[in-house]
Amino acid sequence: QTRVLHIVGVNLSEHVITMDEEYLHNSKFTILNQIDEEHSQKSVMQQRTISMF
């Protein structure tokens, strides 16, 4: 489950990600929907550098 945090980091790269596994489990469907809605920003997301772990 924690691997999804990488996706969250890309999608919400301007936010500080401090999710634990329980929060992630409870919100992962909302997160996936939000990523789907913001898919048009993919070119911007690809420019972000993720180093969460």
N, C-alpha and C. Protein backbone atom coordinates (compact mmCIF):
# COMPACT_ATOMS: atom_id res chain seq x y z
N GLN A 1 0.81 -1.21 0.00
CA GLN A 1 0.00 0.00 0.00
C GLN A 1 0.85 1.27 0.00
N THR A 2 1.96 1.25 0.70
CA THR A 2 2.76 2.47 0.82
C THR A 2 3.34 2.90 -0.52
N ARG A 3 3.43 1.98 -1.46
CA ARG A 3 3.95 2.34 -2.78
C ARG A 3 3.07 3.37 -3.48
N VAL A 4 1.78 3.38 -3.13
CA VAL A 4 0.85 4.35 -3.72
C VAL A 4 1.28 5.77 -3.38
N LEU A 5 2.01 5.93 -2.29
CA LEU A 5 2.48 7.25 -1.89
C LEU A 5 3.35 7.89 -2.97
N HIS A 6 4.04 7.08 -3.76
CA HIS A 6 4.81 7.63 -4.86
C HIS A 6 3.90 8.32 -5.86
N ILE A 7 2.75 7.70 -6.14
CA ILE A 7 1.77 8.30 -7.04
C ILE A 7 1.21 9.58 -6.43
N VAL A 8 0.93 9.54 -5.14
CA VAL A 8 0.43 10.72 -4.45
C VAL A 8 1.45 11.84 -4.53
N GLY A 9 2.72 11.48 -4.33
CA GLY A 9 3.79 12.48 -4.38
C GLY A 9 3.86 13.15 -5.73
N VAL A 10 3.64 12.39 -6.79
CA VAL A 10 3.66 12.95 -8.13
C VAL A 10 2.44 13.84 -8.35
N ASN A 11 1.28 13.35 -7.92
CA ASN A 11 0.04 14.06 -8.21
C ASN A 11 -0.11 15.31 -7.36
N LEU A 12 0.35 15.25 -6.13
CA LEU A 12 0.20 16.37 -5.21
C LEU A 12 1.58 16.86 -4.79
N SER A 13 2.44 17.06 -5.79
CA SER A 13 3.85 17.29 -5.53
C SER A 13 4.10 18.58 -4.75
N GLU A 14 3.15 19.51 -4.75
CA GLU A 14 3.36 20.76 -4.04
C GLU A 14 2.85 20.70 -2.61
N HIS A 15 2.37 19.53 -2.20
CA HIS A 15 1.89 19.35 -0.85
C HIS A 15 2.89 18.53 -0.05
N VAL A 16 2.89 18.74 1.25
CA VAL A 16 3.73 17.90 2.11
C VAL A 16 2.96 16.61 2.40
N ILE A 17 3.55 15.49 2.01
CA ILE A 17 2.88 14.21 2.16
C ILE A 17 3.27 13.60 3.50
N THR A 18 2.30 13.48 4.39
CA THR A 18 2.56 12.87 5.69
C THR A 18 1.47 11.85 5.98
N MET A 19 1.29 10.93 5.07
CA MET A 19 0.25 9.93 5.21
C MET A 19 0.79 8.68 5.88
N ASP A 20 0.02 8.13 6.79
CA ASP A 20 0.34 6.80 7.29
C ASP A 20 -0.48 5.78 6.51
N GLU A 21 -0.24 4.50 6.76
CA GLU A 21 -0.88 3.48 5.93
C GLU A 21 -2.39 3.45 6.12
N GLU A 22 -2.87 3.75 7.34
CA GLU A 22 -4.30 3.72 7.58
C GLU A 22 -5.00 4.82 6.79
N TYR A 23 -4.44 6.02 6.81
CA TYR A 23 -5.02 7.12 6.05
C TYR A 23 -5.01 6.80 4.56
N LEU A 24 -3.89 6.25 4.11
CA LEU A 24 -3.78 5.88 2.70
C LEU A 24 -4.82 4.84 2.33
N HIS A 25 -5.01 3.86 3.17
CA HIS A 25 -5.99 2.81 2.90
C HIS A 25 -7.39 3.40 2.83
N ASN A 26 -7.70 4.35 3.69
CA ASN A 26 -9.03 4.93 3.73
C ASN A 26 -9.29 5.88 2.57
N SER A 27 -8.24 6.41 1.98
CA SER A 27 -8.42 7.47 0.99
C SER A 27 -7.90 7.11 -0.39
N LYS A 28 -7.42 5.86 -0.57
CA LYS A 28 -6.75 5.53 -1.83
C LYS A 28 -7.69 5.66 -3.03
N PHE A 29 -8.98 5.38 -2.86
CA PHE A 29 -9.88 5.50 -4.00
C PHE A 29 -10.08 6.96 -4.38
N THR A 30 -10.18 7.81 -3.38
CA THR A 30 -10.27 9.25 -3.65
C THR A 30 -9.00 9.74 -4.33
N ILE A 31 -7.86 9.25 -3.86
CA ILE A 31 -6.58 9.62 -4.46
C ILE A 31 -6.53 9.20 -5.93
N LEU A 32 -6.92 7.96 -6.20
CA LEU A 32 -6.89 7.47 -7.57
C LEU A 32 -7.84 8.26 -8.46
N ASN A 33 -9.01 8.63 -7.94
CA ASN A 33 -9.94 9.44 -8.71
C ASN A 33 -9.35 10.81 -9.00
N GLN A 34 -8.64 11.36 -8.03
CA GLN A 34 -8.06 12.68 -8.22
C GLN A 34 -6.95 12.64 -9.26
N ILE A 35 -6.17 11.58 -9.23
CA ILE A 35 -5.13 11.40 -10.25
C ILE A 35 -5.78 11.28 -11.63
N ASP A 36 -6.88 10.54 -11.71
CA ASP A 36 -7.57 10.37 -12.98
C ASP A 36 -8.09 11.71 -13.50
N GLU A 37 -8.61 12.54 -12.59
CA GLU A 37 -9.14 13.83 -12.98
C GLU A 37 -8.03 14.78 -13.44
N GLU A 38 -6.86 14.64 -12.85
CA GLU A 38 -5.76 15.55 -13.15
C GLU A 38 -4.79 14.96 -14.16
N HIS A 39 -5.23 13.94 -14.87
CA HIS A 39 -4.34 13.25 -15.80
C HIS A 39 -3.83 14.18 -16.89
N SER A 40 -4.58 15.23 -17.19
CA SER A 40 -4.18 16.18 -18.21
C SER A 40 -2.92 16.94 -17.81
N GLN A 41 -2.56 16.89 -16.53
CA GLN A 41 -1.37 17.58 -16.05
C GLN A 41 -0.15 16.66 -16.07
N LYS A 42 -0.25 15.56 -16.78
CA LYS A 42 0.80 14.55 -16.76
C LYS A 42 2.16 15.13 -17.13
N SER A 43 2.20 16.02 -18.11
CA SER A 43 3.48 16.59 -18.52
C SER A 43 4.12 17.38 -17.38
N VAL A 44 3.29 18.03 -16.58
CA VAL A 44 3.80 18.75 -15.42
C VAL A 44 4.27 17.77 -14.35
N MET A 45 3.48 16.73 -14.13
CA MET A 45 3.81 15.75 -13.10
C MET A 45 5.13 15.04 -13.41
N GLN A 46 5.39 14.80 -14.69
CA GLN A 46 6.61 14.09 -15.07
C GLN A 46 7.86 14.92 -14.78
N GLN A 47 7.70 16.23 -14.61
CA GLN A 47 8.85 17.09 -14.35
C GLN A 47 9.21 17.14 -12.87
N ARG A 48 8.38 16.51 -12.05
CA ARG A 48 8.63 16.54 -10.61
C ARG A 48 9.62 15.44 -10.22
N THR A 49 10.42 15.73 -9.23
CA THR A 49 11.33 14.72 -8.71
C THR A 49 10.79 14.17 -7.40
N ILE A 50 10.64 12.87 -7.34
CA ILE A 50 10.08 12.23 -6.16
C ILE A 50 11.20 11.54 -5.37
N SER A 51 11.32 11.92 -4.11
CA SER A 51 12.29 11.24 -3.24
C SER A 51 11.68 11.12 -1.85
N MET A 52 10.70 10.23 -1.72
CA MET A 52 9.92 10.15 -0.50
C MET A 52 10.43 9.07 0.44
N PHE A 53 11.18 8.11 -0.10
CA PHE A 53 11.63 7.00 0.76
C PHE A 53 13.15 6.92 0.72
